[in-house]
């Protein structure tokens, strides 16, 4: 009887705050498919019962992503790089289904809104836009190893990276990860409005 009863997917990868690729954290996603091509995820900072909700992510198919206005696409990141390099994992997926499931995720795009940053004792300030890893220069080996250790995985990210090198990268739709080309990051800001003028 609660929306949380619909959470059926578990995804773990690494995020960073837009504007600061050095501020990275492991993102534990608990997800549900709302309708074809659209998945919604609640992101925690761990798997324990007292873990914090730190962010949310909207994940859409390439077909849906392509219909979005270009300005909206700038808020999204692609998942192909993280999957191919062993930095996005789906614990619990049966071995005989792994490749097809992961290749399906490679063609998706996500928009992350971060609320509670790991350096904070309380979620203060505006929400922040966050992204998934999209370039080799962003890989923080220490955090990648922490991801493997936290889930007690039977493979390391390096082993998964080697196993997936033959996988083809899907063509990236314009807009996602645009900062890699433009050098410009979007980020959420708080605006103050005069009540009498906004009503």
C-alpha atoms as a PDB file:
ATOM      1  CA  UNK A   1       0.000   0.000   0.000  1.00  0.00           C
ATOM      2  CA  UNK A   2       3.057   2.253  -0.029  1.00  0.00           C
ATOM      3  CA  UNK A   3       5.094   3.436  -3.029  1.00  0.00           C
ATOM      4  CA  UNK A   4       8.192   1.881  -1.468  1.00  0.00           C
ATOM      5  CA  UNK A   5       6.648  -1.560  -1.950  1.00  0.00           C
ATOM      6  CA  UNK A   6       7.191  -1.023  -5.680  1.00  0.00           C
ATOM      7  CA  UNK A   7      10.977  -0.657  -5.320  1.00  0.00           C
ATOM      8  CA  UNK A   8      12.380  -3.648  -7.152  1.00  0.00           C
ATOM      9  CA  UNK A   9      15.735  -2.492  -8.535  1.00  0.00           C
ATOM     10  CA  UNK A  10      19.058  -1.997  -6.766  1.00  0.00           C
ATOM     11  CA  UNK A  11      21.768  -0.051  -8.580  1.00  0.00           C
ATOM     12  CA  UNK A  12      25.085   1.197  -7.215  1.00  0.00           C
ATOM     13  CA  UNK A  13      27.450   3.615  -8.905  1.00  0.00           C
ATOM     14  CA  UNK A  14      29.484   6.743  -8.215  1.00  0.00           C
ATOM     15  CA  UNK A  15      28.207  10.320  -8.427  1.00  0.00           C
ATOM     16  CA  UNK A  16      29.849  13.712  -8.202  1.00  0.00           C
ATOM     17  CA  UNK A  17      28.420  17.164  -7.665  1.00  0.00           C
ATOM     18  CA  UNK A  18      28.189  19.237 -10.838  1.00  0.00           C
ATOM     19  CA  UNK A  19      30.990  21.811 -10.922  1.00  0.00           C
ATOM     20  CA  UNK A  20      33.192  19.676  -8.636  1.00  0.00           C
ATOM     21  CA  UNK A  21      34.269  16.353 -10.189  1.00  0.00           C
ATOM     22  CA  UNK A  22      36.496  15.741  -7.139  1.00  0.00           C
ATOM     23  CA  UNK A  23      33.516  15.574  -4.769  1.00  0.00           C
ATOM     24  CA  UNK A  24      32.397  11.987  -5.337  1.00  0.00           C
ATOM     25  CA  UNK A  25      30.307   9.516  -3.377  1.00  0.00           C
ATOM     26  CA  UNK A  26      28.914   6.004  -3.715  1.00  0.00           C
ATOM     27  CA  UNK A  27      25.219   6.163  -4.599  1.00  0.00           C
ATOM     28  CA  UNK A  28      22.988   3.264  -3.524  1.00  0.00           C
ATOM     29  CA  UNK A  29      19.846   3.448  -5.679  1.00  0.00           C
ATOM     30  CA  UNK A  30      16.549   1.748  -4.854  1.00  0.00           C
ATOM     31  CA  UNK A  31      14.400   2.014  -7.969  1.00  0.00           C
ATOM     32  CA  UNK A  32      11.044   1.266  -9.551  1.00  0.00           C
ATOM     33  CA  UNK A  33       9.798   1.493 -13.122  1.00  0.00           C
ATOM     34  CA  UNK A  34       6.939   3.979 -13.268  1.00  0.00           C
ATOM     35  CA  UNK A  35       6.153   3.452 -16.958  1.00  0.00           C
ATOM     36  CA  UNK A  36       8.094   2.120 -19.975  1.00  0.00           C
ATOM     37  CA  UNK A  37      11.346   4.017 -20.361  1.00  0.00           C
ATOM     38  CA  UNK A  38      11.032   5.874 -17.038  1.00  0.00           C
ATOM     39  CA  UNK A  39      12.584   4.700 -13.759  1.00  0.00           C
ATOM     40  CA  UNK A  40      12.590   6.608 -10.474  1.00  0.00           C
ATOM     41  CA  UNK A  41      15.201   6.001  -7.785  1.00  0.00           C
ATOM     42  CA  UNK A  42      15.709   6.976  -4.159  1.00  0.00           C
ATOM     43  CA  UNK A  43      19.420   7.207  -3.382  1.00  0.00           C
ATOM     44  CA  UNK A  44      20.885   6.385   0.029  1.00  0.00           C
ATOM     45  CA  UNK A  45      24.435   6.714   1.344  1.00  0.00           C
ATOM     46  CA  UNK A  46      24.534   3.039   2.313  1.00  0.00           C
ATOM     47  CA  UNK A  47      22.567  -0.161   2.778  1.00  0.00           C
ATOM     48  CA  UNK A  48      22.102  -0.088   6.555  1.00  0.00           C
ATOM     49  CA  UNK A  49      18.734   0.608   8.207  1.00  0.00           C
ATOM     50  CA  UNK A  50      19.937   4.036   9.367  1.00  0.00           C
ATOM     51  CA  UNK A  51      21.276   5.109   5.966  1.00  0.00           C
ATOM     52  CA  UNK A  52      20.348   8.614   4.828  1.00  0.00           C
ATOM     53  CA  UNK A  53      18.317   9.525   1.763  1.00  0.00           C
ATOM     54  CA  UNK A  54      20.824  11.775   0.011  1.00  0.00           C
ATOM     55  CA  UNK A  55      19.416  12.176  -3.507  1.00  0.00           C
ATOM     56  CA  UNK A  56      16.893  11.100  -6.109  1.00  0.00           C
ATOM     57  CA  UNK A  57      17.438  10.122  -9.717  1.00  0.00           C
ATOM     58  CA  UNK A  58      15.181  10.053 -12.744  1.00  0.00           C
ATOM     59  CA  UNK A  59      16.362   7.535 -15.348  1.00  0.00           C
ATOM     60  CA  UNK A  60      14.973   7.643 -18.874  1.00  0.00           C
ATOM     61  CA  UNK A  61      15.433   5.669 -22.053  1.00  0.00           C
ATOM     62  CA  UNK A  62      17.225   7.117 -25.067  1.00  0.00           C
ATOM     63  CA  UNK A  63      13.864   7.410 -26.806  1.00  0.00           C
ATOM     64  CA  UNK A  64      12.455   9.638 -24.054  1.00  0.00           C
ATOM     65  CA  UNK A  65      15.704  11.557 -23.585  1.00  0.00           C
ATOM     66  CA  UNK A  66      15.761  12.505 -27.245  1.00  0.00           C
ATOM     67  CA  UNK A  67      12.337  14.176 -26.924  1.00  0.00           C
ATOM     68  CA  UNK A  68      13.460  16.499 -24.106  1.00  0.00           C
ATOM     69  CA  UNK A  69      14.336  20.148 -24.771  1.00  0.00           C
ATOM     70  CA  UNK A  70      18.074  20.632 -25.202  1.00  0.00           C
ATOM     71  CA  UNK A  71      18.288  22.801 -22.063  1.00  0.00           C
ATOM     72  CA  UNK A  72      16.769  19.943 -20.050  1.00  0.00           C
ATOM     73  CA  UNK A  73      19.202  17.385 -21.475  1.00  0.00           C
ATOM     74  CA  UNK A  74      22.086  19.420 -20.028  1.00  0.00           C
ATOM     75  CA  UNK A  75      20.919  18.324 -16.554  1.00  0.00           C
ATOM     76  CA  UNK A  76      21.382  14.635 -17.424  1.00  0.00           C
ATOM     77  CA  UNK A  77      24.342  12.288 -17.574  1.00  0.00           C
ATOM     78  CA  UNK A  78      24.798   9.139 -19.638  1.00  0.00           C
ATOM     79  CA  UNK A  79      25.372   5.717 -18.057  1.00  0.00           C
ATOM     80  CA  UNK A  80      27.389   3.988 -20.783  1.00  0.00           C
ATOM     81  CA  UNK A  81      30.857   4.897 -19.488  1.00  0.00           C
ATOM     82  CA  UNK A  82      30.116   3.825 -15.902  1.00  0.00           C
ATOM     83  CA  UNK A  83      28.706   0.475 -17.039  1.00  0.00           C
ATOM     84  CA  UNK A  84      31.494  -0.352 -19.473  1.00  0.00           C
ATOM     85  CA  UNK A  85      34.180   0.522 -16.930  1.00  0.00           C
ATOM     86  CA  UNK A  86      32.729  -1.615 -14.136  1.00  0.00           C
ATOM     87  CA  UNK A  87      31.696   1.401 -12.048  1.00  0.00           C
ATOM     88  CA  UNK A  88      27.943   0.752 -12.178  1.00  0.00           C
ATOM     89  CA  UNK A  89      26.745  -2.521 -10.700  1.00  0.00           C
ATOM     90  CA  UNK A  90      23.399  -4.262 -10.345  1.00  0.00           C
ATOM     91  CA  UNK A  91      23.787  -6.664  -7.402  1.00  0.00           C
ATOM     92  CA  UNK A  92      21.473  -9.635  -7.612  1.00  0.00           C
ATOM     93  CA  UNK A  93      21.065  -9.809 -11.381  1.00  0.00           C
ATOM     94  CA  UNK A  94      21.321 -13.474 -12.457  1.00  0.00           C
ATOM     95  CA  UNK A  95      24.598 -14.262 -14.221  1.00  0.00           C
ATOM     96  CA  UNK A  96      22.856 -15.437 -17.385  1.00  0.00           C
ATOM     97  CA  UNK A  97      21.037 -12.096 -17.673  1.00  0.00           C
ATOM     98  CA  UNK A  98      23.860  -9.760 -16.684  1.00  0.00           C
ATOM     99  CA  UNK A  99      25.120  -8.767 -20.115  1.00  0.00           C
ATOM    100  CA  UNK A 100      21.702  -7.998 -21.601  1.00  0.00           C
ATOM    101  CA  UNK A 101      20.590  -6.053 -18.509  1.00  0.00           C
ATOM    102  CA  UNK A 102      23.781  -3.997 -18.321  1.00  0.00           C
ATOM    103  CA  UNK A 103      23.701  -3.241 -22.040  1.00  0.00           C
ATOM    104  CA  UNK A 104      20.141  -1.996 -21.576  1.00  0.00           C
ATOM    105  CA  UNK A 105      21.300   0.386 -18.840  1.00  0.00           C
ATOM    106  CA  UNK A 106      24.104   1.670 -21.090  1.00  0.00           C
ATOM    107  CA  UNK A 107      21.583   3.427 -23.328  1.00  0.00           C
ATOM    108  CA  UNK A 108      19.825   5.271 -20.480  1.00  0.00           C
ATOM    109  CA  UNK A 109      20.248   8.778 -19.070  1.00  0.00           C
ATOM    110  CA  UNK A 110      19.857  10.039 -15.506  1.00  0.00           C
ATOM    111  CA  UNK A 111      19.134  13.319 -13.714  1.00  0.00           C
ATOM    112  CA  UNK A 112      20.318  13.378 -10.091  1.00  0.00           C
ATOM    113  CA  UNK A 113      19.199  15.898  -7.489  1.00  0.00           C
ATOM    114  CA  UNK A 114      21.430  15.749  -4.417  1.00  0.00           C
ATOM    115  CA  UNK A 115      20.063  16.909  -1.040  1.00  0.00           C
ATOM    116  CA  UNK A 116      22.405  15.744   1.730  1.00  0.00           C
ATOM    117  CA  UNK A 117      26.115  15.923   1.011  1.00  0.00           C
ATOM    118  CA  UNK A 118      28.500  13.631   2.881  1.00  0.00           C
ATOM    119  CA  UNK A 119      30.405  16.520   4.462  1.00  0.00           C
ATOM    120  CA  UNK A 120      27.220  17.747   6.175  1.00  0.00           C
ATOM    121  CA  UNK A 121      25.750  16.712   9.526  1.00  0.00           C
ATOM    122  CA  UNK A 122      22.352  17.896   8.326  1.00  0.00           C
ATOM    123  CA  UNK A 123      20.934  18.585   4.828  1.00  0.00           C
ATOM    124  CA  UNK A 124      21.372  22.346   4.635  1.00  0.00           C
ATOM    125  CA  UNK A 125      21.241  24.646   1.645  1.00  0.00           C
ATOM    126  CA  UNK A 126      19.821  24.219  -1.846  1.00  0.00           C
ATOM    127  CA  UNK A 127      19.697  20.877  -3.639  1.00  0.00           C
ATOM    128  CA  UNK A 128      22.584  20.289  -6.008  1.00  0.00           C
ATOM    129  CA  UNK A 129      22.711  18.760  -9.444  1.00  0.00           C
ATOM    130  CA  UNK A 130      24.944  15.681  -9.552  1.00  0.00           C
ATOM    131  CA  UNK A 131      26.246  13.462 -12.346  1.00  0.00           C
ATOM    132  CA  UNK A 132      27.564   9.958 -12.932  1.00  0.00           C
ATOM    133  CA  UNK A 133      31.101   9.299 -14.158  1.00  0.00           C
ATOM    134  CA  UNK A 134      31.557   9.842 -17.889  1.00  0.00           C
ATOM    135  CA  UNK A 135      35.302  10.062 -18.501  1.00  0.00           C
ATOM    136  CA  UNK A 136      38.431   8.173 -17.456  1.00  0.00           C
ATOM    137  CA  UNK A 137      39.876  11.337 -15.892  1.00  0.00           C
ATOM    138  CA  UNK A 138      37.072  11.251 -13.321  1.00  0.00           C
ATOM    139  CA  UNK A 139      37.792   7.774 -11.948  1.00  0.00           C
ATOM    140  CA  UNK A 140      38.780   7.910  -8.278  1.00  0.00           C
ATOM    141  CA  UNK A 141      40.387   4.520  -7.647  1.00  0.00           C
ATOM    142  CA  UNK A 142      39.913   4.760  -3.879  1.00  0.00           C
ATOM    143  CA  UNK A 143      36.159   5.287  -4.172  1.00  0.00           C
ATOM    144  CA  UNK A 144      35.846   2.594  -6.847  1.00  0.00           C
ATOM    145  CA  UNK A 145      37.540   0.137  -4.489  1.00  0.00           C
ATOM    146  CA  UNK A 146      35.274   1.256  -1.640  1.00  0.00           C
ATOM    147  CA  UNK A 147      32.253   0.482  -3.833  1.00  0.00           C
ATOM    148  CA  UNK A 148      33.487  -3.075  -4.377  1.00  0.00           C
ATOM    149  CA  UNK A 149      34.259  -3.558  -0.678  1.00  0.00           C
ATOM    150  CA  UNK A 150      30.947  -2.157   0.560  1.00  0.00           C
ATOM    151  CA  UNK A 151      28.994  -4.688  -1.520  1.00  0.00           C
ATOM    152  CA  UNK A 152      31.441  -7.584  -1.005  1.00  0.00           C
ATOM    153  CA  UNK A 153      31.451  -8.159  -4.758  1.00  0.00           C
ATOM    154  CA  UNK A 154      33.109 -11.225  -6.250  1.00  0.00           C
ATOM    155  CA  UNK A 155      34.810  -9.082  -8.910  1.00  0.00           C
ATOM    156  CA  UNK A 156      36.686  -5.798  -8.761  1.00  0.00           C
ATOM    157  CA  UNK A 157      35.835  -2.810 -10.919  1.00  0.00           C
ATOM    158  CA  UNK A 158      39.086  -3.412 -12.818  1.00  0.00           C
ATOM    159  CA  UNK A 159      38.051  -6.995 -13.577  1.00  0.00           C
ATOM    160  CA  UNK A 160      34.607  -5.868 -14.703  1.00  0.00           C
ATOM    161  CA  UNK A 161      36.212  -3.157 -16.820  1.00  0.00           C
ATOM    162  CA  UNK A 162      38.357  -5.766 -18.570  1.00  0.00           C
ATOM    163  CA  UNK A 163      35.387  -8.098 -19.086  1.00  0.00           C
ATOM    164  CA  UNK A 164      33.302  -5.346 -20.702  1.00  0.00           C
ATOM    165  CA  UNK A 165      35.874  -3.791 -23.036  1.00  0.00           C
ATOM    166  CA  UNK A 166      34.397  -5.555 -26.082  1.00  0.00           C
ATOM    167  CA  UNK A 167      30.984  -3.977 -25.455  1.00  0.00           C
ATOM    168  CA  UNK A 168      30.099  -1.251 -27.929  1.00  0.00           C
ATOM    169  CA  UNK A 169      29.319   2.202 -26.569  1.00  0.00           C
ATOM    170  CA  UNK A 170      25.947   3.486 -27.778  1.00  0.00           C
ATOM    171  CA  UNK A 171      25.947   6.802 -29.606  1.00  0.00           C
ATOM    172  CA  UNK A 172      25.519   9.601 -27.072  1.00  0.00           C
ATOM    173  CA  UNK A 173      22.594  11.934 -27.650  1.00  0.00           C
ATOM    174  CA  UNK A 174      23.483  15.632 -27.685  1.00  0.00           C
ATOM    175  CA  UNK A 175      23.132  17.353 -24.320  1.00  0.00           C
ATOM    176  CA  UNK A 176      24.141  14.631 -21.891  1.00  0.00           C
ATOM    177  CA  UNK A 177      27.595  15.155 -20.345  1.00  0.00           C
ATOM    178  CA  UNK A 178      27.830  18.382 -22.351  1.00  0.00           C
ATOM    179  CA  UNK A 179      30.325  19.835 -19.851  1.00  0.00           C
ATOM    180  CA  UNK A 180      32.953  17.462 -21.276  1.00  0.00           C
ATOM    181  CA  UNK A 181      32.773  19.460 -24.518  1.00  0.00           C
ATOM    182  CA  UNK A 182      31.726  22.932 -23.404  1.00  0.00           C
ATOM    183  CA  UNK A 183      33.608  23.087 -20.109  1.00  0.00           C
ATOM    184  CA  UNK A 184      30.486  24.645 -18.585  1.00  0.00           C
ATOM    185  CA  UNK A 185      28.430  23.029 -15.810  1.00  0.00           C
ATOM    186  CA  UNK A 186      24.781  23.814 -15.069  1.00  0.00           C
ATOM    187  CA  UNK A 187      23.820  23.922 -11.393  1.00  0.00           C
ATOM    188  CA  UNK A 188      20.673  24.612  -9.385  1.00  0.00           C
ATOM    189  CA  UNK A 189      20.374  28.007  -7.718  1.00  0.00           C
ATOM    190  CA  UNK A 190      17.922  29.550  -5.252  1.00  0.00           C
ATOM    191  CA  UNK A 191      16.026  32.586  -6.484  1.00  0.00           C
ATOM    192  CA  UNK A 192      14.100  34.990  -4.270  1.00  0.00           C
ATOM    193  CA  UNK A 193      10.767  36.319  -5.537  1.00  0.00           C
ATOM    194  CA  UNK A 194       8.634  39.170  -4.319  1.00  0.00           C
ATOM    195  CA  UNK A 195       5.381  37.542  -3.164  1.00  0.00           C
ATOM    196  CA  UNK A 196       3.155  40.334  -4.429  1.00  0.00           C
ATOM    197  CA  UNK A 197       4.627  40.010  -7.910  1.00  0.00           C
ATOM    198  CA  UNK A 198       4.622  36.225  -8.076  1.00  0.00           C
ATOM    199  CA  UNK A 199       0.992  35.681  -7.011  1.00  0.00           C
END
